[in-house]
Amino acid sequence: MSPDELERELAEGTLRSAYLLAGDEALLRDDCLRAIRAATLTADAGDFNEDLLDGAATEPGSFLDALRTLPVMAPRRLVVLREPVQRRAASKALLDALSPALVELADREDVVLVVTSAKPDGRAKWVKAFAEPHALVSCEAPRRERDIAAFARAEARRQGVSLDAGAVQLLAERIGPNLLLLRQEVAKAALLAEPGETVDREQLAWLTSDVAEEPIWDLTDAIGGGHTAEALVVLRRILEQGAAPPMVLGALASHMRRLTRLCHGGRVGGPPFVVRKLESQARRYRAARLLACLDAIADVDEVLKGRGSLPPDLALERLVMGLSA
């Protein structure tokens, strides 16, 4: 099930007894949890009927007690179990308790269980247990440009702003898979637009946060030419000028996706001189190398989302070293 399908189900009044919000995009997991919470809890008694459990520290007994507690002055309660991990005996015991608990929940209407997990093992018994009548909601970040554009269009509808096709494409190119930043840029566009006005690409280009074109070309040229030292100097200059690491990463991701498209015989838009430069850079790479570069970018995206102890600037420096090696 996708987040959009979950939203439609909830709008139609369908509320399941258990959900697994699985995937690496924290914003999508949080959005889904917020929607389930709104459908489950009443405003006047919500504080009494929600348990937030840490999957790394919760014992099986405490988890089952939370599920079996009756709601207070409300038709149902919500139990949220965050990131259960199989790293120690207690965590394994908790995961082992999930499958029978889901069987029990199938016959109940007074409690809703939500489990969130960034990287669950789809082969695990507890993950497979989230089959009908329960639901696994895929919260993976979009990787393809068209999927990012689809998210931008949906976000614009949600915020009540009209973006033309060029504006949507610009967001996908500049922001890439950083959905939180993309949401913020759509919010800026909503503030810019007059009632009933459609924001076009030119207006959005003026408004949207972006890494300066010339330094990014300097960076990608140095990377494509294998000039690691020069690439690191340019990266440092860009960061010192105030560019946020997610925006730098988004620019690199967009650039590498364009090169990958060209390398596979596809086309890219833009002024002729830009296309010629992209074609020249694409010839420096093999297809397998570009795919490895995109994987490395996805790994750094995880770091920038807080999954790891590496500072963002250092993560970008290591990425640039790897891309230019």
C-alpha atoms as a PDB file:
ATOM      1  CA  MET A   1       0.000   0.000   0.000  1.00  0.00           C
ATOM      2  CA  SER A   2       1.236   3.485  -0.833  1.00  0.00           C
ATOM      3  CA  PRO A   3       0.798   6.570   1.391  1.00  0.00           C
ATOM      4  CA  ASP A   4      -1.760   7.884  -1.118  1.00  0.00           C
ATOM      5  CA  GLU A   5      -3.755   4.647  -0.891  1.00  0.00           C
ATOM      6  CA  LEU A   6      -3.642   4.864   2.910  1.00  0.00           C
ATOM      7  CA  GLU A   7      -4.946   8.433   2.763  1.00  0.00           C
ATOM      8  CA  ARG A   8      -7.823   7.384   0.494  1.00  0.00           C
ATOM      9  CA  GLU A   9      -8.741   4.482   2.782  1.00  0.00           C
ATOM     10  CA  LEU A  10      -8.806   6.693   5.845  1.00  0.00           C
ATOM     11  CA  ALA A  11     -10.865   9.335   4.030  1.00  0.00           C
ATOM     12  CA  GLU A  12     -13.399   6.625   3.176  1.00  0.00           C
ATOM     13  CA  GLY A  13     -13.616   5.624   6.848  1.00  0.00           C
ATOM     14  CA  THR A  14     -11.568   2.423   6.663  1.00  0.00           C
ATOM     15  CA  LEU A  15      -9.287   2.035   9.680  1.00  0.00           C
ATOM     16  CA  ARG A  16      -7.292  -1.163  10.048  1.00  0.00           C
ATOM     17  CA  SER A  17      -6.163  -2.584  13.356  1.00  0.00           C
ATOM     18  CA  ALA A  18      -2.427  -2.625  12.510  1.00  0.00           C
ATOM     19  CA  TYR A  19      -0.058  -0.852  10.127  1.00  0.00           C
ATOM     20  CA  LEU A  20       3.631  -1.241   9.340  1.00  0.00           C
ATOM     21  CA  LEU A  21       5.074   2.030   8.018  1.00  0.00           C
ATOM     22  CA  ALA A  22       8.155   0.711   6.246  1.00  0.00           C
ATOM     23  CA  GLY A  23      10.720   2.682   4.289  1.00  0.00           C
ATOM     24  CA  ASP A  24      13.634   5.090   4.391  1.00  0.00           C
ATOM     25  CA  GLU A  25      11.703   8.358   3.994  1.00  0.00           C
ATOM     26  CA  ALA A  26      11.011   9.716   7.474  1.00  0.00           C
ATOM     27  CA  LEU A  27       8.717  12.453   6.164  1.00  0.00           C
ATOM     28  CA  LEU A  28       6.379   9.896   4.562  1.00  0.00           C
ATOM     29  CA  ARG A  29       6.370   7.751   7.716  1.00  0.00           C
ATOM     30  CA  ASP A  30       5.545  10.792   9.833  1.00  0.00           C
ATOM     31  CA  ASP A  31       2.783  11.876   7.442  1.00  0.00           C
ATOM     32  CA  CYS A  32       1.208   8.416   7.512  1.00  0.00           C
ATOM     33  CA  LEU A  33       1.413   8.229  11.290  1.00  0.00           C
ATOM     34  CA  ARG A  34      -0.176  11.670  11.589  1.00  0.00           C
ATOM     35  CA  ALA A  35      -3.062  10.592   9.360  1.00  0.00           C
ATOM     36  CA  ILE A  36      -3.632   7.359  11.288  1.00  0.00           C
ATOM     37  CA  ARG A  37      -3.474   9.228  14.593  1.00  0.00           C
ATOM     38  CA  ALA A  38      -6.114  11.720  13.414  1.00  0.00           C
ATOM     39  CA  ALA A  39      -8.393   8.871  12.321  1.00  0.00           C
ATOM     40  CA  THR A  40      -7.893   6.882  15.535  1.00  0.00           C
ATOM     41  CA  LEU A  41      -7.960   9.333  18.420  1.00  0.00           C
ATOM     42  CA  THR A  42     -10.576  11.806  19.547  1.00  0.00           C
ATOM     43  CA  ALA A  43      -9.467  15.359  20.305  1.00  0.00           C
ATOM     44  CA  ASP A  44     -10.730  15.387  23.887  1.00  0.00           C
ATOM     45  CA  ALA A  45      -9.220  12.095  25.062  1.00  0.00           C
ATOM     46  CA  GLY A  46      -6.238  11.617  22.763  1.00  0.00           C
ATOM     47  CA  ASP A  47      -3.638  12.207  25.474  1.00  0.00           C
ATOM     48  CA  PHE A  48      -4.997   9.304  27.509  1.00  0.00           C
ATOM     49  CA  ASN A  49      -5.137   6.837  24.651  1.00  0.00           C
ATOM     50  CA  GLU A  50      -1.743   6.840  22.975  1.00  0.00           C
ATOM     51  CA  ASP A  51       1.375   4.873  23.880  1.00  0.00           C
ATOM     52  CA  LEU A  52       4.701   5.662  22.172  1.00  0.00           C
ATOM     53  CA  LEU A  53       7.121   2.752  22.575  1.00  0.00           C
ATOM     54  CA  ASP A  54      10.812   2.607  21.701  1.00  0.00           C
ATOM     55  CA  GLY A  55      11.412  -0.645  19.829  1.00  0.00           C
ATOM     56  CA  ALA A  56      15.000  -0.881  21.048  1.00  0.00           C
ATOM     57  CA  ALA A  57      14.044  -0.654  24.727  1.00  0.00           C
ATOM     58  CA  THR A  58      10.506  -2.069  25.084  1.00  0.00           C
ATOM     59  CA  GLU A  59      10.056  -5.494  26.659  1.00  0.00           C
ATOM     60  CA  PRO A  60       7.486  -7.904  25.170  1.00  0.00           C
ATOM     61  CA  GLY A  61       5.372  -7.768  28.334  1.00  0.00           C
ATOM     62  CA  SER A  62       5.126  -3.976  28.263  1.00  0.00           C
ATOM     63  CA  PHE A  63       4.214  -4.062  24.581  1.00  0.00           C
ATOM     64  CA  LEU A  64       1.423  -6.588  25.120  1.00  0.00           C
ATOM     65  CA  ASP A  65       0.147  -4.672  28.152  1.00  0.00           C
ATOM     66  CA  ALA A  66      -0.123  -1.527  25.995  1.00  0.00           C
ATOM     67  CA  LEU A  67      -2.107  -3.414  23.350  1.00  0.00           C
ATOM     68  CA  ARG A  68      -4.496  -4.902  25.917  1.00  0.00           C
ATOM     69  CA  THR A  69      -5.180  -1.665  27.808  1.00  0.00           C
ATOM     70  CA  LEU A  70      -8.722  -0.444  27.235  1.00  0.00           C
ATOM     71  CA  PRO A  71      -9.351   3.053  25.825  1.00  0.00           C
ATOM     72  CA  VAL A  72     -10.390   5.845  28.178  1.00  0.00           C
ATOM     73  CA  MET A  73     -13.559   7.767  27.245  1.00  0.00           C
ATOM     74  CA  ALA A  74     -13.036   6.971  23.567  1.00  0.00           C
ATOM     75  CA  PRO A  75     -13.820   4.185  21.102  1.00  0.00           C
ATOM     76  CA  ARG A  76     -10.190   3.209  20.535  1.00  0.00           C
ATOM     77  CA  ARG A  77      -6.571   3.828  21.478  1.00  0.00           C
ATOM     78  CA  LEU A  78      -3.293   4.002  19.547  1.00  0.00           C
ATOM     79  CA  VAL A  79      -0.049   2.108  20.214  1.00  0.00           C
ATOM     80  CA  VAL A  80       3.038   3.227  18.254  1.00  0.00           C
ATOM     81  CA  LEU A  81       6.141   1.020  18.248  1.00  0.00           C
ATOM     82  CA  ARG A  82       9.140   2.778  16.729  1.00  0.00           C
ATOM     83  CA  GLU A  83      12.016   0.930  15.048  1.00  0.00           C
ATOM     84  CA  PRO A  84      12.009  -2.578  16.531  1.00  0.00           C
ATOM     85  CA  VAL A  85      15.456  -4.008  15.833  1.00  0.00           C
ATOM     86  CA  GLN A  86      16.828  -7.530  16.178  1.00  0.00           C
ATOM     87  CA  ARG A  87      20.099  -6.645  17.870  1.00  0.00           C
ATOM     88  CA  ARG A  88      19.737  -8.181  21.284  1.00  0.00           C
ATOM     89  CA  ALA A  89      17.760 -10.935  22.976  1.00  0.00           C
ATOM     90  CA  ALA A  90      15.032  -8.611  24.291  1.00  0.00           C
ATOM     91  CA  SER A  91      14.494  -7.077  20.844  1.00  0.00           C
ATOM     92  CA  LYS A  92      14.221 -10.524  19.247  1.00  0.00           C
ATOM     93  CA  ALA A  93      11.666 -11.480  21.865  1.00  0.00           C
ATOM     94  CA  LEU A  94       9.670  -8.360  21.061  1.00  0.00           C
ATOM     95  CA  LEU A  95       9.683  -9.165  17.341  1.00  0.00           C
ATOM     96  CA  ASP A  96       8.645 -12.742  18.108  1.00  0.00           C
ATOM     97  CA  ALA A  97       5.683 -11.355  20.068  1.00  0.00           C
ATOM     98  CA  LEU A  98       4.485  -9.252  17.133  1.00  0.00           C
ATOM     99  CA  SER A  99       3.065 -12.027  14.940  1.00  0.00           C
ATOM    100  CA  PRO A 100       0.723 -13.547  17.556  1.00  0.00           C
ATOM    101  CA  ALA A 101      -0.245 -10.043  18.671  1.00  0.00           C
ATOM    102  CA  LEU A 102      -1.354  -9.226  15.125  1.00  0.00           C
ATOM    103  CA  VAL A 103      -3.528 -12.347  15.064  1.00  0.00           C
ATOM    104  CA  GLU A 104      -5.175 -11.133  18.257  1.00  0.00           C
ATOM    105  CA  LEU A 105      -5.638  -7.607  16.889  1.00  0.00           C
ATOM    106  CA  ALA A 106      -7.495  -8.856  13.804  1.00  0.00           C
ATOM    107  CA  ASP A 107     -10.603  -9.405  15.958  1.00  0.00           C
ATOM    108  CA  ARG A 108     -10.418  -6.118  17.848  1.00  0.00           C
ATOM    109  CA  GLU A 109     -11.689  -2.622  17.067  1.00  0.00           C
ATOM    110  CA  ASP A 110     -10.652  -0.793  20.239  1.00  0.00           C
ATOM    111  CA  VAL A 111      -6.917  -0.452  19.485  1.00  0.00           C
ATOM    112  CA  VAL A 112      -4.755   0.429  16.481  1.00  0.00           C
ATOM    113  CA  LEU A 113      -1.111  -0.603  16.321  1.00  0.00           C
ATOM    114  CA  VAL A 114       1.414   1.298  14.192  1.00  0.00           C
ATOM    115  CA  VAL A 115       4.954  -0.035  13.777  1.00  0.00           C
ATOM    116  CA  THR A 116       7.529   2.185  12.052  1.00  0.00           C
ATOM    117  CA  SER A 117      10.715   0.783  10.550  1.00  0.00           C
ATOM    118  CA  ALA A 118      13.168   2.373   8.117  1.00  0.00           C
ATOM    119  CA  LYS A 119      14.671  -0.889   6.834  1.00  0.00           C
ATOM    120  CA  PRO A 120      12.645  -3.936   7.824  1.00  0.00           C
ATOM    121  CA  ASP A 121      13.676  -7.333   6.487  1.00  0.00           C
ATOM    122  CA  GLY A 122      10.853  -8.351   4.170  1.00  0.00           C
ATOM    123  CA  ARG A 123      11.702 -12.014   4.792  1.00  0.00           C
ATOM    124  CA  ALA A 124      11.096 -11.739   8.532  1.00  0.00           C
ATOM    125  CA  LYS A 125       8.010 -13.440   9.956  1.00  0.00           C
ATOM    126  CA  TRP A 126       6.847 -10.317  11.791  1.00  0.00           C
ATOM    127  CA  VAL A 127       6.983  -8.252   8.594  1.00  0.00           C
ATOM    128  CA  LYS A 128       5.006 -10.860   6.620  1.00  0.00           C
ATOM    129  CA  ALA A 129       2.404 -10.829   9.406  1.00  0.00           C
ATOM    130  CA  PHE A 130       1.285  -7.361   8.266  1.00  0.00           C
ATOM    131  CA  ALA A 131      -0.786  -8.939   5.491  1.00  0.00           C
ATOM    132  CA  GLU A 132      -4.560  -8.554   5.235  1.00  0.00           C
ATOM    133  CA  PRO A 133      -6.484  -7.522   7.249  1.00  0.00           C
ATOM    134  CA  HIS A 134      -3.486  -5.415   8.344  1.00  0.00           C
ATOM    135  CA  ALA A 135      -1.395  -3.256   5.997  1.00  0.00           C
ATOM    136  CA  LEU A 136       2.220  -2.570   5.111  1.00  0.00           C
ATOM    137  CA  VAL A 137       2.582   1.018   3.874  1.00  0.00           C
ATOM    138  CA  SER A 138       5.631   1.589   1.688  1.00  0.00           C
ATOM    139  CA  CYS A 139       7.342   4.844   2.689  1.00  0.00           C
ATOM    140  CA  GLU A 140      10.315   4.751   0.335  1.00  0.00           C
ATOM    141  CA  ALA A 141      11.649   8.043  -0.997  1.00  0.00           C
ATOM    142  CA  PRO A 142      11.081   8.451  -4.757  1.00  0.00           C
ATOM    143  CA  ARG A 143      14.257   8.040  -6.797  1.00  0.00           C
ATOM    144  CA  ARG A 144      13.125   8.666 -10.367  1.00  0.00           C
ATOM    145  CA  GLU A 145      12.636  12.245 -11.503  1.00  0.00           C
ATOM    146  CA  ARG A 146       9.054  11.599 -12.646  1.00  0.00           C
ATOM    147  CA  ASP A 147       8.153  10.182  -9.225  1.00  0.00           C
ATOM    148  CA  ILE A 148       9.675  13.214  -7.495  1.00  0.00           C
ATOM    149  CA  ALA A 149       7.653  15.420  -9.844  1.00  0.00           C
ATOM    150  CA  ALA A 150       4.503  13.465  -8.939  1.00  0.00           C
ATOM    151  CA  PHE A 151       5.184  14.113  -5.246  1.00  0.00           C
ATOM    152  CA  ALA A 152       5.656  17.824  -5.999  1.00  0.00           C
ATOM    153  CA  ARG A 153       2.300  17.967  -7.817  1.00  0.00           C
ATOM    154  CA  ALA A 154       0.553  16.162  -4.961  1.00  0.00           C
ATOM    155  CA  GLU A 155       2.189  18.435  -2.399  1.00  0.00           C
ATOM    156  CA  ALA A 156       1.106  21.509  -4.368  1.00  0.00           C
ATOM    157  CA  ARG A 157      -2.490  20.244  -4.362  1.00  0.00           C
ATOM    158  CA  ARG A 158      -2.296  19.603  -0.627  1.00  0.00           C
ATOM    159  CA  GLN A 159      -1.064  23.141   0.022  1.00  0.00           C
ATOM    160  CA  GLY A 160      -3.571  24.686  -2.377  1.00  0.00           C
ATOM    161  CA  VAL A 161      -1.105  26.162  -4.861  1.00  0.00           C
ATOM    162  CA  SER A 162      -1.166  25.744  -8.634  1.00  0.00           C
ATOM    163  CA  LEU A 163       2.175  24.969 -10.312  1.00  0.00           C
ATOM    164  CA  ASP A 164       2.573  24.626 -14.053  1.00  0.00           C
ATOM    165  CA  ALA A 165       4.487  21.717 -15.599  1.00  0.00           C
ATOM    166  CA  GLY A 166       7.692  23.736 -15.874  1.00  0.00           C
ATOM    167  CA  ALA A 167       7.606  24.705 -12.209  1.00  0.00           C
ATOM    168  CA  VAL A 168       7.069  21.099 -11.154  1.00  0.00           C
ATOM    169  CA  GLN A 169       9.982  19.985 -13.344  1.00  0.00           C
ATOM    170  CA  LEU A 170      12.217  22.666 -11.845  1.00  0.00           C
ATOM    171  CA  LEU A 171      11.441  21.460  -8.326  1.00  0.00           C
ATOM    172  CA  ALA A 172      12.278  17.881  -9.293  1.00  0.00           C
ATOM    173  CA  GLU A 173      15.556  18.963 -10.886  1.00  0.00           C
ATOM    174  CA  ARG A 174      16.724  21.323  -8.154  1.00  0.00           C
ATOM    175  CA  ILE A 175      15.541  19.578  -5.013  1.00  0.00           C
ATOM    176  CA  GLY A 176      15.674  15.931  -6.022  1.00  0.00           C
ATOM    177  CA  PRO A 177      14.567  13.288  -3.487  1.00  0.00           C
ATOM    178  CA  ASN A 178      14.804  15.561  -0.434  1.00  0.00           C
ATOM    179  CA  LEU A 179      11.050  15.592   0.268  1.00  0.00           C
ATOM    180  CA  LEU A 180      11.205  17.823   3.338  1.00  0.00           C
ATOM    181  CA  LEU A 181      13.035  20.551   1.427  1.00  0.00           C
ATOM    182  CA  LEU A 182      10.669  20.097  -1.515  1.00  0.00           C
ATOM    183  CA  ARG A 183       7.686  20.590   0.793  1.00  0.00           C
ATOM    184  CA  GLN A 184       9.250  23.780   2.133  1.00  0.00           C
ATOM    185  CA  GLU A 185       9.787  25.133  -1.391  1.00  0.00           C
ATOM    186  CA  VAL A 186       6.163  24.419  -2.319  1.00  0.00           C
ATOM    187  CA  ALA A 187       5.138  26.331   0.815  1.00  0.00           C
ATOM    188  CA  LYS A 188       7.177  29.315  -0.421  1.00  0.00           C
ATOM    189  CA  ALA A 189       5.389  29.108  -3.766  1.00  0.00           C
ATOM    190  CA  ALA A 190       2.052  29.103  -1.950  1.00  0.00           C
ATOM    191  CA  LEU A 191       3.008  32.345  -0.231  1.00  0.00           C
ATOM    192  CA  LEU A 192       4.124  33.872  -3.539  1.00  0.00           C
ATOM    193  CA  ALA A 193       1.017  33.056  -5.570  1.00  0.00           C
ATOM    194  CA  GLU A 194      -2.009  35.305  -5.683  1.00  0.00           C
ATOM    195  CA  PRO A 195      -5.406  33.604  -5.260  1.00  0.00           C
ATOM    196  CA  GLY A 196      -6.165  31.661  -8.430  1.00  0.00           C
ATOM    197  CA  GLU A 197      -2.717  32.278  -9.924  1.00  0.00           C
ATOM    198  CA  THR A 198      -0.562  29.521 -11.412  1.00  0.00           C
ATOM    199  CA  VAL A 199       3.129  29.728 -10.502  1.00  0.00           C
ATOM    200  CA  ASP A 200       5.337  29.157 -13.542  1.00  0.00           C
ATOM    201  CA  ARG A 201       8.933  28.016 -13.895  1.00  0.00           C
ATOM    202  CA  GLU A 202      10.355  31.545 -14.111  1.00  0.00           C
ATOM    203  CA  GLN A 203       8.624  32.673 -10.917  1.00  0.00           C
ATOM    204  CA  LEU A 204       9.712  29.545  -9.081  1.00  0.00           C
ATOM    205  CA  ALA A 205      13.299  29.886 -10.295  1.00  0.00           C
ATOM    206  CA  TRP A 206      13.422  33.319  -8.652  1.00  0.00           C
ATOM    207  CA  LEU A 207      11.920  32.010  -5.422  1.00  0.00           C
ATOM    208  CA  THR A 208      13.365  28.550  -4.941  1.00  0.00           C
ATOM    209  CA  SER A 209      16.514  28.050  -2.909  1.00  0.00           C
ATOM    210  CA  ASP A 210      19.244  26.819  -5.197  1.00  0.00           C
ATOM    211  CA  VAL A 211      22.947  26.284  -5.332  1.00  0.00           C
ATOM    212  CA  ALA A 212      24.460  28.848  -7.695  1.00  0.00           C
ATOM    213  CA  GLU A 213      24.665  27.467 -11.259  1.00  0.00           C
ATOM    214  CA  GLU A 214      28.270  28.332 -11.925  1.00  0.00           C
ATOM    215  CA  PRO A 215      29.765  26.799  -8.754  1.00  0.00           C
ATOM    216  CA  ILE A 216      27.760  23.616  -9.328  1.00  0.00           C
ATOM    217  CA  TRP A 217      29.073  23.370 -12.876  1.00  0.00           C
ATOM    218  CA  ASP A 218      32.559  23.933 -11.459  1.00  0.00           C
ATOM    219  CA  LEU A 219      31.938  21.120  -8.982  1.00  0.00           C
ATOM    220  CA  THR A 220      30.508  18.660 -11.507  1.00  0.00           C
ATOM    221  CA  ASP A 221      33.235  19.511 -14.033  1.00  0.00           C
ATOM    222  CA  ALA A 222      35.921  18.794 -11.460  1.00  0.00           C
ATOM    223  CA  ILE A 223      34.215  15.550 -10.453  1.00  0.00           C
ATOM    224  CA  GLY A 224      33.780  14.422 -14.065  1.00  0.00           C
ATOM    225  CA  GLY A 225      37.383  15.227 -14.860  1.00  0.00           C
ATOM    226  CA  GLY A 226      38.683  13.269 -11.899  1.00  0.00           C
ATOM    227  CA  HIS A 227      40.147  16.381 -10.247  1.00  0.00           C
ATOM    228  CA  THR A 228      39.474  15.451  -6.645  1.00  0.00           C
ATOM    229  CA  ALA A 229      41.411  18.271  -4.978  1.00  0.00           C
ATOM    230  CA  GLU A 230      39.723  20.891  -7.141  1.00  0.00           C
ATOM    231  CA  ALA A 231      36.292  19.369  -6.491  1.00  0.00           C
ATOM    232  CA  LEU A 232      36.837  19.530  -2.728  1.00  0.00           C
ATOM    233  CA  VAL A 233      37.892  23.203  -2.955  1.00  0.00           C
ATOM    234  CA  VAL A 234      34.742  24.060  -4.936  1.00  0.00           C
ATOM    235  CA  LEU A 235      32.553  22.098  -2.519  1.00  0.00           C
ATOM    236  CA  ARG A 236      34.007  23.966   0.435  1.00  0.00           C
ATOM    237  CA  ARG A 237      33.372  27.299  -1.309  1.00  0.00           C
ATOM    238  CA  ILE A 238      29.753  26.371  -1.991  1.00  0.00           C
ATOM    239  CA  LEU A 239      29.162  25.351   1.624  1.00  0.00           C
ATOM    240  CA  GLU A 240      30.877  28.482   2.961  1.00  0.00           C
ATOM    241  CA  GLN A 241      28.565  30.590   0.798  1.00  0.00           C
ATOM    242  CA  GLY A 242      25.672  29.230   2.832  1.00  0.00           C
ATOM    243  CA  ALA A 243      24.333  26.400   0.671  1.00  0.00           C
ATOM    244  CA  ALA A 244      22.617  23.739   2.791  1.00  0.00           C
ATOM    245  CA  PRO A 245      24.078  20.220   2.432  1.00  0.00           C
ATOM    246  CA  PRO A 246      20.695  18.762   1.291  1.00  0.00           C
ATOM    247  CA  MET A 247      20.570  21.301  -1.540  1.00  0.00           C
ATOM    248  CA  VAL A 248      24.112  20.455  -2.630  1.00  0.00           C
ATOM    249  CA  LEU A 249      23.243  16.754  -2.545  1.00  0.00           C
ATOM    250  CA  GLY A 250      20.037  17.389  -4.482  1.00  0.00           C
ATOM    251  CA  ALA A 251      21.993  19.258  -7.154  1.00  0.00           C
ATOM    252  CA  LEU A 252      24.520  16.427  -7.451  1.00  0.00           C
ATOM    253  CA  ALA A 253      21.731  13.846  -7.599  1.00  0.00           C
ATOM    254  CA  SER A 254      19.892  15.760 -10.311  1.00  0.00           C
ATOM    255  CA  HIS A 255      23.110  16.129 -12.301  1.00  0.00           C
ATOM    256  CA  MET A 256      24.013  12.439 -12.035  1.00  0.00           C
ATOM    257  CA  ARG A 257      20.478  11.383 -12.992  1.00  0.00           C
ATOM    258  CA  ARG A 258      20.750  13.472 -16.161  1.00  0.00           C
ATOM    259  CA  LEU A 259      24.098  11.900 -17.028  1.00  0.00           C
ATOM    260  CA  THR A 260      22.626   8.440 -16.408  1.00  0.00           C
ATOM    261  CA  ARG A 261      19.709   9.214 -18.727  1.00  0.00           C
ATOM    262  CA  LEU A 262      22.103  10.336 -21.460  1.00  0.00           C
ATOM    263  CA  CYS A 263      24.352   7.331 -20.923  1.00  0.00           C
ATOM    264  CA  HIS A 264      21.350   5.050 -21.547  1.00  0.00           C
ATOM    265  CA  GLY A 265      20.419   6.828 -24.753  1.00  0.00           C
ATOM    266  CA  GLY A 266      17.792   9.155 -23.293  1.00  0.00           C
ATOM    267  CA  ARG A 267      17.375  12.893 -23.683  1.00  0.00           C
ATOM    268  CA  VAL A 268      17.506  15.825 -21.267  1.00  0.00           C
ATOM    269  CA  GLY A 269      15.981  19.257 -21.516  1.00  0.00           C
ATOM    270  CA  GLY A 270      17.671  22.631 -21.254  1.00  0.00           C
ATOM    271  CA  PRO A 271      19.449  25.206 -23.389  1.00  0.00           C
ATOM    272  CA  PRO A 272      21.656  23.723 -26.152  1.00  0.00           C
ATOM    273  CA  PHE A 273      24.909  24.720 -24.440  1.00  0.00           C
ATOM    274  CA  VAL A 274      23.783  22.985 -21.245  1.00  0.00           C
ATOM    275  CA  VAL A 275      22.821  19.818 -23.117  1.00  0.00           C
ATOM    276  CA  ARG A 276      26.177  19.774 -24.949  1.00  0.00           C
ATOM    277  CA  LYS A 277      28.023  20.084 -21.659  1.00  0.00           C
ATOM    278  CA  LEU A 278      25.997  17.252 -20.130  1.00  0.00           C
ATOM    279  CA  GLU A 279      26.649  15.046 -23.149  1.00  0.00           C
ATOM    280  CA  SER A 280      30.371  15.745 -22.862  1.00  0.00           C
ATOM    281  CA  GLN A 281      30.383  14.799 -19.190  1.00  0.00           C
ATOM    282  CA  ALA A 282      28.273  11.677 -19.780  1.00  0.00           C
ATOM    283  CA  ARG A 283      30.928  10.333 -22.141  1.00  0.00           C
ATOM    284  CA  ARG A 284      33.388  10.265 -19.248  1.00  0.00           C
ATOM    285  CA  TYR A 285      31.345   7.636 -17.406  1.00  0.00           C
ATOM    286  CA  ARG A 286      30.273   4.067 -17.925  1.00  0.00           C
ATOM    287  CA  ALA A 287      26.668   3.152 -17.130  1.00  0.00           C
ATOM    288  CA  ALA A 288      27.648   0.923 -14.186  1.00  0.00           C
ATOM    289  CA  ARG A 289      29.792   3.714 -12.742  1.00  0.00           C
ATOM    290  CA  LEU A 290      26.887   6.184 -12.861  1.00  0.00           C
ATOM    291  CA  LEU A 291      24.579   3.733 -11.111  1.00  0.00           C
ATOM    292  CA  ALA A 292      27.207   3.273  -8.396  1.00  0.00           C
ATOM    293  CA  CYS A 293      27.388   7.071  -8.065  1.00  0.00           C
ATOM    294  CA  LEU A 294      23.609   7.251  -7.574  1.00  0.00           C
ATOM    295  CA  ASP A 295      23.818   4.546  -4.896  1.00  0.00           C
ATOM    296  CA  ALA A 296      26.527   6.552  -3.110  1.00  0.00           C
ATOM    297  CA  ILE A 297      24.330   9.660  -3.265  1.00  0.00           C
ATOM    298  CA  ALA A 298      21.423   7.690  -1.763  1.00  0.00           C
ATOM    299  CA  ASP A 299      23.707   6.589   1.095  1.00  0.00           C
ATOM    300  CA  VAL A 300      24.677  10.194   1.858  1.00  0.00           C
ATOM    301  CA  ASP A 301      20.995  11.142   1.746  1.00  0.00           C
ATOM    302  CA  GLU A 302      20.490   8.711   4.634  1.00  0.00           C
ATOM    303  CA  VAL A 303      23.294  10.431   6.574  1.00  0.00           C
ATOM    304  CA  LEU A 304      21.780  13.879   6.001  1.00  0.00           C
ATOM    305  CA  LYS A 305      18.492  12.576   7.379  1.00  0.00           C
ATOM    306  CA  GLY A 306      20.231  11.837  10.673  1.00  0.00           C
ATOM    307  CA  ARG A 307      20.928   8.121  10.266  1.00  0.00           C
ATOM    308  CA  GLY A 308      24.538   8.012  11.353  1.00  0.00           C
ATOM    309  CA  SER A 309      27.079  10.039  13.282  1.00  0.00           C
ATOM    310  CA  LEU A 310      28.983  11.490  10.300  1.00  0.00           C
ATOM    311  CA  PRO A 311      28.717  15.327  10.023  1.00  0.00           C
ATOM    312  CA  PRO A 312      26.944  16.454   6.824  1.00  0.00           C
ATOM    313  CA  ASP A 313      29.925  18.427   5.476  1.00  0.00           C
ATOM    314  CA  LEU A 314      32.239  15.451   5.934  1.00  0.00           C
ATOM    315  CA  ALA A 315      29.712  13.099   4.325  1.00  0.00           C
ATOM    316  CA  LEU A 316      29.589  15.382   1.269  1.00  0.00           C
ATOM    317  CA  GLU A 317      33.381  15.599   1.117  1.00  0.00           C
ATOM    318  CA  ARG A 318      33.682  11.818   1.127  1.00  0.00           C
ATOM    319  CA  LEU A 319      30.993  11.583  -1.521  1.00  0.00           C
ATOM    320  CA  VAL A 320      32.787  14.070  -3.781  1.00  0.00           C
ATOM    321  CA  MET A 321      36.038  12.147  -3.323  1.00  0.00           C
ATOM    322  CA  GLY A 322      34.284   8.946  -4.337  1.00  0.00           C
ATOM    323  CA  LEU A 323      32.503  10.475  -7.333  1.00  0.00           C
ATOM    324  CA  SER A 324      35.708  11.979  -8.663  1.00  0.00           C
ATOM    325  CA  ALA A 325      37.964   8.968  -7.982  1.00  0.00           C
END
